[in-house]
Amino acid sequence: MYSSLPVLRPFPRFCLLEGMTPIQRLVSLEKALGERCAIFVKRDDLMGIGGGGNKLRKLEFLIGQAKSEGKDTLITVGARQSNHARLTAASAAVAGLGAELVLARLVPKTDDDYLFNGNPLLDGLFGATVHDLPGDADTLAFAQQRAEALGGRALVIPAGGSSAIGMLGYAGAAAEIAQQEVALGRRFDKVLLANGSHGTQAGLVAGFKAQGLGGKVLGYTVLAPLAEAKAQTLAKAREVGALLGIEVDEADIAINGEHRGPGYGIETDEMKAALKLMAQTQGLLLDPVYSGKAFAGMLAGIRAGQFDGQSLLFVMTGGTPGLYAYRQALGG
């Protein structure tokens, strides 16, 4: 699936995907919005391992790195409801590796649904060791200490799997999308997605630019304030660009900061409305932290006429276990 980017082939990779994830047109949603543009979704939620989600693309390369370096454990960091942590635990199980998750209480929620349901429930089922830290803890420093205690046998993975090696997964996804465009006979004007730990957008930006297809990617920040999100995404895109042998410029990074709300993991009314609209027109589930807010941003742009006449591809990045953690906020 990576034939359009031969430069990826030398990097070790542990297969976690069974092939390309499908692209699906949202015909009922288009009608509900007045058929102003063509709306498609890239179903990266439909991956077979661990409940699916975009981090599996990164973990293919990260586990490849770990095995090539003789590591026997993955240690990663995140928030209490981290989708990346869940998928790290599941992928480690498949690869025969240990997993330790260093999770901080970054979101000001203390109800049992948030603390123990959704992703934390699954982390335990996948056999991971979980370190539950307060919100102000330096999780990466803790992870490094754990790696040292394990005698150098662990690979420490940053939040979201967004290291240069991990981000190669979404450079490969850009090549996959380009192949699917040919098969569909359609070029997408914009590829839209949530921007959290910045690596998914950075990988896509670098991957498209490596194919001469720059200017396609628009992110909606759900974690960092806009200026920080742009700076971090640019830095990360340059990291993966260096591995691909291409240069990424500031003009390549497009991020919208209007739909983040009060902060990371804190629900907004427009996010809840977006989840319901997607569920009630297409029967599809968005997550409340990442894709829900980004989808709300896309809907706002469509209603404002920003995308009239265009073909849009929204990347559904998974995270649906988080819905159960937000039962009270979503009216359950």
C-alpha atoms as a PDB file:
ATOM      1  CA  MET A   1       0.000   0.000   0.000  1.00  0.00           C
ATOM      2  CA  TYR A   2       3.033   2.255   0.273  1.00  0.00           C
ATOM      3  CA  SER A   3       4.174   1.922  -3.341  1.00  0.00           C
ATOM      4  CA  SER A   4       3.827   5.681  -3.903  1.00  0.00           C
ATOM      5  CA  LEU A   5       6.443   6.339  -1.209  1.00  0.00           C
ATOM      6  CA  PRO A   6       9.284   3.885  -1.780  1.00  0.00           C
ATOM      7  CA  VAL A   7      11.370   5.766   0.798  1.00  0.00           C
ATOM      8  CA  LEU A   8       9.265   4.127   3.528  1.00  0.00           C
ATOM      9  CA  ARG A   9      10.266   0.587   2.624  1.00  0.00           C
ATOM     10  CA  PRO A  10      13.595   0.447   4.497  1.00  0.00           C
ATOM     11  CA  PHE A  11      11.973   1.342   7.823  1.00  0.00           C
ATOM     12  CA  PRO A  12      11.136  -1.705   9.982  1.00  0.00           C
ATOM     13  CA  ARG A  13       7.404  -2.256  10.252  1.00  0.00           C
ATOM     14  CA  PHE A  14       5.200  -4.664  12.167  1.00  0.00           C
ATOM     15  CA  CYS A  15       1.943  -5.229  10.312  1.00  0.00           C
ATOM     16  CA  LEU A  16      -1.173  -4.289  12.279  1.00  0.00           C
ATOM     17  CA  LEU A  17      -3.485  -3.385   9.369  1.00  0.00           C
ATOM     18  CA  GLU A  18      -5.096  -5.840   6.978  1.00  0.00           C
ATOM     19  CA  GLY A  19      -5.121  -3.447   4.039  1.00  0.00           C
ATOM     20  CA  MET A  20      -6.374  -0.024   3.094  1.00  0.00           C
ATOM     21  CA  THR A  21      -9.140   1.426   5.226  1.00  0.00           C
ATOM     22  CA  PRO A  22     -12.224   2.275   3.153  1.00  0.00           C
ATOM     23  CA  ILE A  23     -13.415   5.659   1.979  1.00  0.00           C
ATOM     24  CA  GLN A  24     -17.173   6.127   2.315  1.00  0.00           C
ATOM     25  CA  ARG A  25     -19.436   8.870   0.959  1.00  0.00           C
ATOM     26  CA  LEU A  26     -21.856  10.498   3.419  1.00  0.00           C
ATOM     27  CA  VAL A  27     -24.835  10.932   1.109  1.00  0.00           C
ATOM     28  CA  SER A  28     -27.465  11.377   3.831  1.00  0.00           C
ATOM     29  CA  LEU A  29     -25.355  14.006   5.586  1.00  0.00           C
ATOM     30  CA  GLU A  30     -24.830  15.852   2.306  1.00  0.00           C
ATOM     31  CA  LYS A  31     -28.606  16.044   1.833  1.00  0.00           C
ATOM     32  CA  ALA A  32     -29.115  17.258   5.392  1.00  0.00           C
ATOM     33  CA  LEU A  33     -26.629  20.065   4.727  1.00  0.00           C
ATOM     34  CA  GLY A  34     -28.201  21.122   1.440  1.00  0.00           C
ATOM     35  CA  GLU A  35     -25.789  19.261  -0.890  1.00  0.00           C
ATOM     36  CA  ARG A  36     -23.299  22.127  -0.871  1.00  0.00           C
ATOM     37  CA  CYS A  37     -20.267  19.850  -1.226  1.00  0.00           C
ATOM     38  CA  ALA A  38     -19.297  16.192  -1.511  1.00  0.00           C
ATOM     39  CA  ILE A  39     -18.384  14.678   1.867  1.00  0.00           C
ATOM     40  CA  PHE A  40     -16.371  11.500   2.299  1.00  0.00           C
ATOM     41  CA  VAL A  41     -14.813   9.835   5.343  1.00  0.00           C
ATOM     42  CA  LYS A  42     -11.605   7.836   5.576  1.00  0.00           C
ATOM     43  CA  ARG A  43     -12.559   5.036   7.988  1.00  0.00           C
ATOM     44  CA  ASP A  44      -9.428   4.748  10.085  1.00  0.00           C
ATOM     45  CA  ASP A  45     -11.749   3.714  12.899  1.00  0.00           C
ATOM     46  CA  LEU A  46     -12.230   0.393  11.047  1.00  0.00           C
ATOM     47  CA  MET A  47      -8.962  -1.268  11.995  1.00  0.00           C
ATOM     48  CA  GLY A  48      -9.205  -4.720  13.516  1.00  0.00           C
ATOM     49  CA  ILE A  49      -6.944  -4.477  16.549  1.00  0.00           C
ATOM     50  CA  GLY A  50      -7.846  -2.971  19.904  1.00  0.00           C
ATOM     51  CA  GLY A  51     -11.065  -1.292  18.783  1.00  0.00           C
ATOM     52  CA  GLY A  52      -9.395   0.490  15.862  1.00  0.00           C
ATOM     53  CA  GLY A  53      -8.043   3.984  15.427  1.00  0.00           C
ATOM     54  CA  ASN A  54      -5.390   6.078  13.749  1.00  0.00           C
ATOM     55  CA  LYS A  55      -2.574   5.294  16.206  1.00  0.00           C
ATOM     56  CA  LEU A  56      -2.230   1.805  14.737  1.00  0.00           C
ATOM     57  CA  ARG A  57      -0.585   3.311  11.654  1.00  0.00           C
ATOM     58  CA  LYS A  58       2.072   4.881  13.874  1.00  0.00           C
ATOM     59  CA  LEU A  59       2.448   1.766  15.990  1.00  0.00           C
ATOM     60  CA  GLU A  60       3.312  -0.338  12.955  1.00  0.00           C
ATOM     61  CA  PHE A  61       6.522   1.635  12.606  1.00  0.00           C
ATOM     62  CA  LEU A  62       7.102   2.056  16.350  1.00  0.00           C
ATOM     63  CA  ILE A  63       6.855  -1.679  17.012  1.00  0.00           C
ATOM     64  CA  GLY A  64       9.087  -2.240  13.997  1.00  0.00           C
ATOM     65  CA  GLN A  65      11.601   0.090  15.630  1.00  0.00           C
ATOM     66  CA  ALA A  66      11.269  -1.643  19.002  1.00  0.00           C
ATOM     67  CA  LYS A  67      11.837  -5.100  17.565  1.00  0.00           C
ATOM     68  CA  SER A  68      14.763  -3.968  15.434  1.00  0.00           C
ATOM     69  CA  GLU A  69      16.387  -2.517  18.570  1.00  0.00           C
ATOM     70  CA  GLY A  70      15.787  -5.664  20.626  1.00  0.00           C
ATOM     71  CA  LYS A  71      13.231  -4.082  22.986  1.00  0.00           C
ATOM     72  CA  ASP A  72      10.690  -6.229  24.812  1.00  0.00           C
ATOM     73  CA  THR A  73       8.426  -3.520  26.283  1.00  0.00           C
ATOM     74  CA  LEU A  74       6.587  -0.431  25.063  1.00  0.00           C
ATOM     75  CA  ILE A  75       6.103   2.474  27.464  1.00  0.00           C
ATOM     76  CA  THR A  76       3.920   5.372  26.431  1.00  0.00           C
ATOM     77  CA  VAL A  77       2.220   8.399  27.971  1.00  0.00           C
ATOM     78  CA  GLY A  78      -1.128  10.126  27.681  1.00  0.00           C
ATOM     79  CA  ALA A  79      -4.283  11.263  29.393  1.00  0.00           C
ATOM     80  CA  ARG A  80      -6.459   8.965  31.459  1.00  0.00           C
ATOM     81  CA  GLN A  81      -8.727   8.250  28.451  1.00  0.00           C
ATOM     82  CA  SER A  82      -5.892   8.025  25.916  1.00  0.00           C
ATOM     83  CA  ASN A  83      -6.854   6.154  22.741  1.00  0.00           C
ATOM     84  CA  HIS A  84      -3.179   5.867  21.869  1.00  0.00           C
ATOM     85  CA  ALA A  85      -2.461   4.136  25.180  1.00  0.00           C
ATOM     86  CA  ARG A  86      -5.254   1.611  24.562  1.00  0.00           C
ATOM     87  CA  LEU A  87      -3.942   0.807  21.109  1.00  0.00           C
ATOM     88  CA  THR A  88      -0.369   0.587  22.362  1.00  0.00           C
ATOM     89  CA  ALA A  89      -1.502  -2.022  24.887  1.00  0.00           C
ATOM     90  CA  ALA A  90      -3.426  -3.982  22.249  1.00  0.00           C
ATOM     91  CA  SER A  91      -0.620  -3.814  19.688  1.00  0.00           C
ATOM     92  CA  ALA A  92       1.994  -4.852  22.245  1.00  0.00           C
ATOM     93  CA  ALA A  93      -0.111  -7.916  23.033  1.00  0.00           C
ATOM     94  CA  VAL A  94      -0.222  -8.870  19.351  1.00  0.00           C
ATOM     95  CA  ALA A  95       3.518  -8.316  18.956  1.00  0.00           C
ATOM     96  CA  GLY A  96       4.445 -10.283  22.081  1.00  0.00           C
ATOM     97  CA  LEU A  97       5.735  -7.222  23.923  1.00  0.00           C
ATOM     98  CA  GLY A  98       5.022  -5.853  27.372  1.00  0.00           C
ATOM     99  CA  ALA A  99       3.175  -2.546  27.735  1.00  0.00           C
ATOM    100  CA  GLU A 100       3.288   0.116  30.420  1.00  0.00           C
ATOM    101  CA  LEU A 101       0.985   3.138  30.227  1.00  0.00           C
ATOM    102  CA  VAL A 102       1.803   6.331  32.109  1.00  0.00           C
ATOM    103  CA  LEU A 103      -1.519   8.173  32.283  1.00  0.00           C
ATOM    104  CA  ALA A 104      -2.094  11.585  33.840  1.00  0.00           C
ATOM    105  CA  ARG A 105      -5.416  13.036  34.957  1.00  0.00           C
ATOM    106  CA  LEU A 106      -5.215  15.951  32.523  1.00  0.00           C
ATOM    107  CA  VAL A 107      -8.959  16.457  32.105  1.00  0.00           C
ATOM    108  CA  PRO A 108     -10.888  17.894  35.083  1.00  0.00           C
ATOM    109  CA  LYS A 109     -13.336  15.006  35.337  1.00  0.00           C
ATOM    110  CA  THR A 110     -13.669  12.852  38.453  1.00  0.00           C
ATOM    111  CA  ASP A 111     -16.754  10.734  37.803  1.00  0.00           C
ATOM    112  CA  ASP A 112     -16.380   6.968  37.658  1.00  0.00           C
ATOM    113  CA  ASP A 113     -17.383   6.797  33.985  1.00  0.00           C
ATOM    114  CA  TYR A 114     -14.423   8.945  33.020  1.00  0.00           C
ATOM    115  CA  LEU A 115     -11.886   7.449  35.407  1.00  0.00           C
ATOM    116  CA  PHE A 116     -12.663   3.768  34.946  1.00  0.00           C
ATOM    117  CA  ASN A 117     -14.854   3.129  31.893  1.00  0.00           C
ATOM    118  CA  GLY A 118     -13.977   3.377  28.192  1.00  0.00           C
ATOM    119  CA  ASN A 119     -10.265   3.217  27.484  1.00  0.00           C
ATOM    120  CA  PRO A 120      -9.028   2.468  31.058  1.00  0.00           C
ATOM    121  CA  LEU A 121     -11.273  -0.595  31.158  1.00  0.00           C
ATOM    122  CA  LEU A 122      -9.764  -1.839  27.901  1.00  0.00           C
ATOM    123  CA  ASP A 123      -6.189  -1.035  28.954  1.00  0.00           C
ATOM    124  CA  GLY A 124      -6.534  -3.628  31.691  1.00  0.00           C
ATOM    125  CA  LEU A 125      -8.133  -6.206  29.421  1.00  0.00           C
ATOM    126  CA  PHE A 126      -5.150  -5.947  27.072  1.00  0.00           C
ATOM    127  CA  GLY A 127      -2.813  -6.693  29.969  1.00  0.00           C
ATOM    128  CA  ALA A 128      -1.021  -3.364  30.279  1.00  0.00           C
ATOM    129  CA  THR A 129       0.553  -2.085  33.470  1.00  0.00           C
ATOM    130  CA  VAL A 130      -1.034   1.307  34.167  1.00  0.00           C
ATOM    131  CA  HIS A 131       0.605   4.087  36.164  1.00  0.00           C
ATOM    132  CA  ASP A 132      -2.088   6.580  37.267  1.00  0.00           C
ATOM    133  CA  LEU A 133      -0.453   9.996  37.792  1.00  0.00           C
ATOM    134  CA  PRO A 134      -1.848  13.411  38.778  1.00  0.00           C
ATOM    135  CA  GLY A 135      -2.517  15.994  36.092  1.00  0.00           C
ATOM    136  CA  ASP A 136       0.617  18.035  36.761  1.00  0.00           C
ATOM    137  CA  ALA A 137       2.993  15.061  36.590  1.00  0.00           C
ATOM    138  CA  ASP A 138       5.837  14.889  34.066  1.00  0.00           C
ATOM    139  CA  THR A 139       4.697  11.684  32.410  1.00  0.00           C
ATOM    140  CA  LEU A 140       7.563  11.489  29.936  1.00  0.00           C
ATOM    141  CA  ALA A 141      10.157  11.798  32.715  1.00  0.00           C
ATOM    142  CA  PHE A 142       8.349   9.037  34.625  1.00  0.00           C
ATOM    143  CA  ALA A 143       8.368   6.879  31.489  1.00  0.00           C
ATOM    144  CA  GLN A 144      12.094   7.423  31.027  1.00  0.00           C
ATOM    145  CA  GLN A 145      12.691   6.385  34.652  1.00  0.00           C
ATOM    146  CA  ARG A 146      10.667   3.214  34.098  1.00  0.00           C
ATOM    147  CA  ALA A 147      12.712   2.432  30.977  1.00  0.00           C
ATOM    148  CA  GLU A 148      15.918   2.832  32.963  1.00  0.00           C
ATOM    149  CA  ALA A 149      14.558   0.534  35.669  1.00  0.00           C
ATOM    150  CA  LEU A 150      13.927  -2.080  32.976  1.00  0.00           C
ATOM    151  CA  GLY A 151      17.564  -1.973  31.942  1.00  0.00           C
ATOM    152  CA  GLY A 152      17.134  -0.380  28.537  1.00  0.00           C
ATOM    153  CA  ARG A 153      14.762  -3.057  27.293  1.00  0.00           C
ATOM    154  CA  ALA A 154      11.846  -0.644  26.761  1.00  0.00           C
ATOM    155  CA  LEU A 155      11.052   1.766  23.951  1.00  0.00           C
ATOM    156  CA  VAL A 156       9.596   5.024  25.274  1.00  0.00           C
ATOM    157  CA  ILE A 157       6.923   6.366  22.918  1.00  0.00           C
ATOM    158  CA  PRO A 158       5.802  10.015  23.174  1.00  0.00           C
ATOM    159  CA  ALA A 159       2.167  11.099  23.439  1.00  0.00           C
ATOM    160  CA  GLY A 160       0.107   9.996  20.468  1.00  0.00           C
ATOM    161  CA  GLY A 161       2.992   7.991  19.032  1.00  0.00           C
ATOM    162  CA  SER A 162       4.123  11.230  17.415  1.00  0.00           C
ATOM    163  CA  SER A 163       7.835  10.582  17.048  1.00  0.00           C
ATOM    164  CA  ALA A 164       9.463  10.981  13.646  1.00  0.00           C
ATOM    165  CA  ILE A 165       9.351   7.196  13.159  1.00  0.00           C
ATOM    166  CA  GLY A 166       5.737   6.944  14.295  1.00  0.00           C
ATOM    167  CA  MET A 167       4.605   9.732  11.991  1.00  0.00           C
ATOM    168  CA  LEU A 168       5.775   7.720   8.987  1.00  0.00           C
ATOM    169  CA  GLY A 169       2.509   5.834   9.393  1.00  0.00           C
ATOM    170  CA  TYR A 170       0.557   8.848   8.213  1.00  0.00           C
ATOM    171  CA  ALA A 171       3.011   9.663   5.464  1.00  0.00           C
ATOM    172  CA  GLY A 172       2.061   6.199   4.258  1.00  0.00           C
ATOM    173  CA  ALA A 173      -1.621   7.035   4.740  1.00  0.00           C
ATOM    174  CA  ALA A 174      -1.183  10.014   2.401  1.00  0.00           C
ATOM    175  CA  ALA A 175       0.078   7.626  -0.262  1.00  0.00           C
ATOM    176  CA  GLU A 176      -2.858   5.326   0.445  1.00  0.00           C
ATOM    177  CA  ILE A 177      -5.352   8.173   0.019  1.00  0.00           C
ATOM    178  CA  ALA A 178      -3.700   9.213  -3.250  1.00  0.00           C
ATOM    179  CA  GLN A 179      -4.111   5.661  -4.565  1.00  0.00           C
ATOM    180  CA  GLN A 180      -7.743   5.617  -3.516  1.00  0.00           C
ATOM    181  CA  GLU A 181      -8.318   8.941  -5.260  1.00  0.00           C
ATOM    182  CA  VAL A 182      -7.185   7.320  -8.497  1.00  0.00           C
ATOM    183  CA  ALA A 183      -9.475   4.343  -7.914  1.00  0.00           C
ATOM    184  CA  LEU A 184     -12.419   6.637  -7.142  1.00  0.00           C
ATOM    185  CA  GLY A 185     -11.697   8.959 -10.061  1.00  0.00           C
ATOM    186  CA  ARG A 186     -11.884  11.921  -7.693  1.00  0.00           C
ATOM    187  CA  ARG A 187      -9.398  14.344  -6.161  1.00  0.00           C
ATOM    188  CA  PHE A 188     -10.187  15.608  -2.684  1.00  0.00           C
ATOM    189  CA  ASP A 189      -9.803  19.349  -2.327  1.00  0.00           C
ATOM    190  CA  LYS A 190      -9.266  19.062   1.414  1.00  0.00           C
ATOM    191  CA  VAL A 191      -8.366  16.304   3.870  1.00  0.00           C
ATOM    192  CA  LEU A 192      -9.705  17.330   7.294  1.00  0.00           C
ATOM    193  CA  LEU A 193      -8.904  15.895  10.708  1.00  0.00           C
ATOM    194  CA  ALA A 194      -8.427  16.542  14.415  1.00  0.00           C
ATOM    195  CA  ASN A 195      -5.045  17.845  15.569  1.00  0.00           C
ATOM    196  CA  GLY A 196      -4.097  16.588  19.044  1.00  0.00           C
ATOM    197  CA  SER A 197      -0.492  15.458  19.494  1.00  0.00           C
ATOM    198  CA  HIS A 198       0.130  16.893  15.997  1.00  0.00           C
ATOM    199  CA  GLY A 199       1.637  13.753  14.468  1.00  0.00           C
ATOM    200  CA  THR A 200      -1.250  12.603  12.290  1.00  0.00           C
ATOM    201  CA  GLN A 201      -1.482  15.949  10.526  1.00  0.00           C
ATOM    202  CA  ALA A 202       2.314  16.279  10.349  1.00  0.00           C
ATOM    203  CA  GLY A 203       2.639  12.866   8.720  1.00  0.00           C
ATOM    204  CA  LEU A 204      -0.120  13.572   6.212  1.00  0.00           C
ATOM    205  CA  VAL A 205       1.363  16.970   5.309  1.00  0.00           C
ATOM    206  CA  ALA A 206       4.795  15.480   4.687  1.00  0.00           C
ATOM    207  CA  GLY A 207       3.383  12.455   2.874  1.00  0.00           C
ATOM    208  CA  PHE A 208       1.265  14.508   0.494  1.00  0.00           C
ATOM    209  CA  LYS A 209       4.092  16.954  -0.153  1.00  0.00           C
ATOM    210  CA  ALA A 210       6.412  14.063  -0.984  1.00  0.00           C
ATOM    211  CA  GLN A 211       3.946  13.231  -3.776  1.00  0.00           C
ATOM    212  CA  GLY A 212       3.648  16.816  -5.013  1.00  0.00           C
ATOM    213  CA  LEU A 213       0.177  17.143  -3.472  1.00  0.00           C
ATOM    214  CA  GLY A 214       0.668  19.932  -0.944  1.00  0.00           C
ATOM    215  CA  GLY A 215      -2.072  22.176   0.402  1.00  0.00           C
ATOM    216  CA  LYS A 216      -4.657  19.463   0.979  1.00  0.00           C
ATOM    217  CA  VAL A 217      -4.624  19.083   4.765  1.00  0.00           C
ATOM    218  CA  LEU A 218      -6.656  21.141   7.249  1.00  0.00           C
ATOM    219  CA  GLY A 219      -6.509  20.338  10.946  1.00  0.00           C
ATOM    220  CA  TYR A 220      -8.727  21.420  13.830  1.00  0.00           C
ATOM    221  CA  THR A 221      -6.802  21.716  17.070  1.00  0.00           C
ATOM    222  CA  VAL A 222      -8.416  19.972  20.034  1.00  0.00           C
ATOM    223  CA  LEU A 223      -5.470  20.088  22.459  1.00  0.00           C
ATOM    224  CA  ALA A 224      -3.036  23.007  22.126  1.00  0.00           C
ATOM    225  CA  PRO A 225      -3.939  26.665  21.546  1.00  0.00           C
ATOM    226  CA  LEU A 226      -3.720  27.620  17.883  1.00  0.00           C
ATOM    227  CA  ALA A 227      -0.258  29.232  17.809  1.00  0.00           C
ATOM    228  CA  GLU A 228       1.292  26.331  19.702  1.00  0.00           C
ATOM    229  CA  ALA A 229      -0.496  23.766  17.538  1.00  0.00           C
ATOM    230  CA  LYS A 230       0.850  25.381  14.366  1.00  0.00           C
ATOM    231  CA  ALA A 231       4.400  25.589  15.694  1.00  0.00           C
ATOM    232  CA  GLN A 232       4.435  22.017  16.976  1.00  0.00           C
ATOM    233  CA  THR A 233       2.841  20.599  13.825  1.00  0.00           C
ATOM    234  CA  LEU A 234       5.380  22.405  11.651  1.00  0.00           C
ATOM    235  CA  ALA A 235       8.266  21.108  13.759  1.00  0.00           C
ATOM    236  CA  LYS A 236       6.961  17.544  13.602  1.00  0.00           C
ATOM    237  CA  ALA A 237       6.227  17.733   9.873  1.00  0.00           C
ATOM    238  CA  ARG A 238       9.813  18.839   9.335  1.00  0.00           C
ATOM    239  CA  GLU A 239      11.033  15.861  11.384  1.00  0.00           C
ATOM    240  CA  VAL A 240       9.196  13.350   9.234  1.00  0.00           C
ATOM    241  CA  GLY A 241       9.994  15.377   6.118  1.00  0.00           C
ATOM    242  CA  ALA A 242      13.680  14.940   6.893  1.00  0.00           C
ATOM    243  CA  LEU A 243      13.177  11.159   6.869  1.00  0.00           C
ATOM    244  CA  LEU A 244      11.397  11.429   3.514  1.00  0.00           C
ATOM    245  CA  GLY A 245      13.975  13.784   2.023  1.00  0.00           C
ATOM    246  CA  ILE A 246      11.582  16.702   1.515  1.00  0.00           C
ATOM    247  CA  GLU A 247      11.234  20.166   3.036  1.00  0.00           C
ATOM    248  CA  VAL A 248       8.083  21.366   4.793  1.00  0.00           C
ATOM    249  CA  ASP A 249       7.326  25.086   4.993  1.00  0.00           C
ATOM    250  CA  GLU A 250       5.158  27.108   7.345  1.00  0.00           C
ATOM    251  CA  ALA A 251       2.680  27.656   4.506  1.00  0.00           C
ATOM    252  CA  ASP A 252       2.058  23.885   4.412  1.00  0.00           C
ATOM    253  CA  ILE A 253       0.458  23.921   7.879  1.00  0.00           C
ATOM    254  CA  ALA A 254      -3.239  24.879   7.987  1.00  0.00           C
ATOM    255  CA  ILE A 255      -4.997  24.623  11.361  1.00  0.00           C
ATOM    256  CA  ASN A 256      -8.280  26.038  12.627  1.00  0.00           C
ATOM    257  CA  GLY A 257      -8.404  26.940  16.324  1.00  0.00           C
ATOM    258  CA  GLU A 258     -12.049  27.965  16.673  1.00  0.00           C
ATOM    259  CA  HIS A 259     -13.551  24.669  17.853  1.00  0.00           C
ATOM    260  CA  ARG A 260     -11.265  23.577  20.678  1.00  0.00           C
ATOM    261  CA  GLY A 261     -13.646  24.923  23.313  1.00  0.00           C
ATOM    262  CA  PRO A 262     -12.537  25.465  26.933  1.00  0.00           C
ATOM    263  CA  GLY A 263      -9.763  22.911  26.603  1.00  0.00           C
ATOM    264  CA  TYR A 264      -8.684  19.363  25.859  1.00  0.00           C
ATOM    265  CA  GLY A 265     -11.280  16.740  26.629  1.00  0.00           C
ATOM    266  CA  ILE A 266     -13.900  19.279  27.711  1.00  0.00           C
ATOM    267  CA  GLU A 267     -17.133  18.918  25.788  1.00  0.00           C
ATOM    268  CA  THR A 268     -18.769  21.665  23.736  1.00  0.00           C
ATOM    269  CA  ASP A 269     -22.355  22.035  22.570  1.00  0.00           C
ATOM    270  CA  GLU A 270     -21.308  22.025  18.908  1.00  0.00           C
ATOM    271  CA  MET A 271     -19.336  18.809  19.428  1.00  0.00           C
ATOM    272  CA  LYS A 272     -22.399  17.120  20.922  1.00  0.00           C
ATOM    273  CA  ALA A 273     -24.544  18.376  18.035  1.00  0.00           C
ATOM    274  CA  ALA A 274     -21.991  17.066  15.518  1.00  0.00           C
ATOM    275  CA  LEU A 275     -21.972  13.623  17.141  1.00  0.00           C
ATOM    276  CA  LYS A 276     -25.754  13.448  17.009  1.00  0.00           C
ATOM    277  CA  LEU A 277     -25.961  14.650  13.408  1.00  0.00           C
ATOM    278  CA  MET A 278     -23.435  12.042  12.250  1.00  0.00           C
ATOM    279  CA  ALA A 279     -25.156   9.286  14.219  1.00  0.00           C
ATOM    280  CA  GLN A 280     -28.658  10.244  13.078  1.00  0.00           C
ATOM    281  CA  THR A 281     -27.869  10.731   9.382  1.00  0.00           C
ATOM    282  CA  GLN A 282     -25.180   8.107   8.753  1.00  0.00           C
ATOM    283  CA  GLY A 283     -25.292   5.760  11.755  1.00  0.00           C
ATOM    284  CA  LEU A 284     -21.605   6.447  12.415  1.00  0.00           C
ATOM    285  CA  LEU A 285     -19.947   7.200  15.754  1.00  0.00           C
ATOM    286  CA  LEU A 286     -17.467   9.994  16.334  1.00  0.00           C
ATOM    287  CA  ASP A 287     -15.502  10.349  19.551  1.00  0.00           C
ATOM    288  CA  PRO A 288     -16.095  13.306  21.909  1.00  0.00           C
ATOM    289  CA  VAL A 289     -12.460  14.429  22.314  1.00  0.00           C
ATOM    290  CA  TYR A 290     -10.925  14.429  18.824  1.00  0.00           C
ATOM    291  CA  SER A 291     -13.062  13.731  15.768  1.00  0.00           C
ATOM    292  CA  GLY A 292     -16.228  15.163  17.331  1.00  0.00           C
ATOM    293  CA  LYS A 293     -14.717  18.626  17.687  1.00  0.00           C
ATOM    294  CA  ALA A 294     -13.002  18.465  14.299  1.00  0.00           C
ATOM    295  CA  PHE A 295     -16.211  17.334  12.609  1.00  0.00           C
ATOM    296  CA  ALA A 296     -18.026  20.226  14.283  1.00  0.00           C
ATOM    297  CA  GLY A 297     -15.420  22.524  12.737  1.00  0.00           C
ATOM    298  CA  MET A 298     -15.945  21.030   9.303  1.00  0.00           C
ATOM    299  CA  LEU A 299     -19.723  21.404   9.641  1.00  0.00           C
ATOM    300  CA  ALA A 300     -19.316  25.063  10.598  1.00  0.00           C
ATOM    301  CA  GLY A 301     -17.151  25.614   7.522  1.00  0.00           C
ATOM    302  CA  ILE A 302     -19.687  23.915   5.255  1.00  0.00           C
ATOM    303  CA  ARG A 303     -22.551  25.985   6.641  1.00  0.00           C
ATOM    304  CA  ALA A 304     -20.517  29.175   6.185  1.00  0.00           C
ATOM    305  CA  GLY A 305     -19.906  28.359   2.515  1.00  0.00           C
ATOM    306  CA  GLN A 306     -16.178  27.727   2.988  1.00  0.00           C
ATOM    307  CA  PHE A 307     -16.244  24.469   1.023  1.00  0.00           C
ATOM    308  CA  ASP A 308     -18.996  25.061  -1.561  1.00  0.00           C
ATOM    309  CA  GLY A 309     -18.528  22.836  -4.598  1.00  0.00           C
ATOM    310  CA  GLN A 310     -15.558  21.002  -3.121  1.00  0.00           C
ATOM    311  CA  SER A 311     -14.852  17.350  -2.358  1.00  0.00           C
ATOM    312  CA  LEU A 312     -13.929  16.838   1.286  1.00  0.00           C
ATOM    313  CA  LEU A 313     -12.336  13.843   2.978  1.00  0.00           C
ATOM    314  CA  PHE A 314     -12.699  13.692   6.757  1.00  0.00           C
ATOM    315  CA  VAL A 315     -10.367  11.294   8.564  1.00  0.00           C
ATOM    316  CA  MET A 316     -12.309   9.321  11.181  1.00  0.00           C
ATOM    317  CA  THR A 317      -9.543   8.544  13.650  1.00  0.00           C
ATOM    318  CA  GLY A 318     -11.475   6.248  16.000  1.00  0.00           C
ATOM    319  CA  GLY A 319     -11.697   6.735  19.744  1.00  0.00           C
ATOM    320  CA  THR A 320     -15.259   5.497  20.194  1.00  0.00           C
ATOM    321  CA  PRO A 321     -14.513   3.842  23.592  1.00  0.00           C
ATOM    322  CA  GLY A 322     -14.325   7.414  24.882  1.00  0.00           C
ATOM    323  CA  LEU A 323     -18.070   7.782  24.291  1.00  0.00           C
ATOM    324  CA  TYR A 324     -18.726   5.610  27.327  1.00  0.00           C
ATOM    325  CA  ALA A 325     -16.524   7.822  29.476  1.00  0.00           C
ATOM    326  CA  TYR A 326     -18.677  10.824  28.522  1.00  0.00           C
ATOM    327  CA  ARG A 327     -22.034   9.214  29.339  1.00  0.00           C
ATOM    328  CA  GLN A 328     -23.155  12.049  31.603  1.00  0.00           C
ATOM    329  CA  ALA A 329     -22.078  14.807  29.218  1.00  0.00           C
ATOM    330  CA  LEU A 330     -23.793  13.137  26.275  1.00  0.00           C
ATOM    331  CA  GLY A 331     -27.066  12.674  28.126  1.00  0.00           C
ATOM    332  CA  GLY A 332     -26.897   8.982  28.958  1.00  0.00           C
END
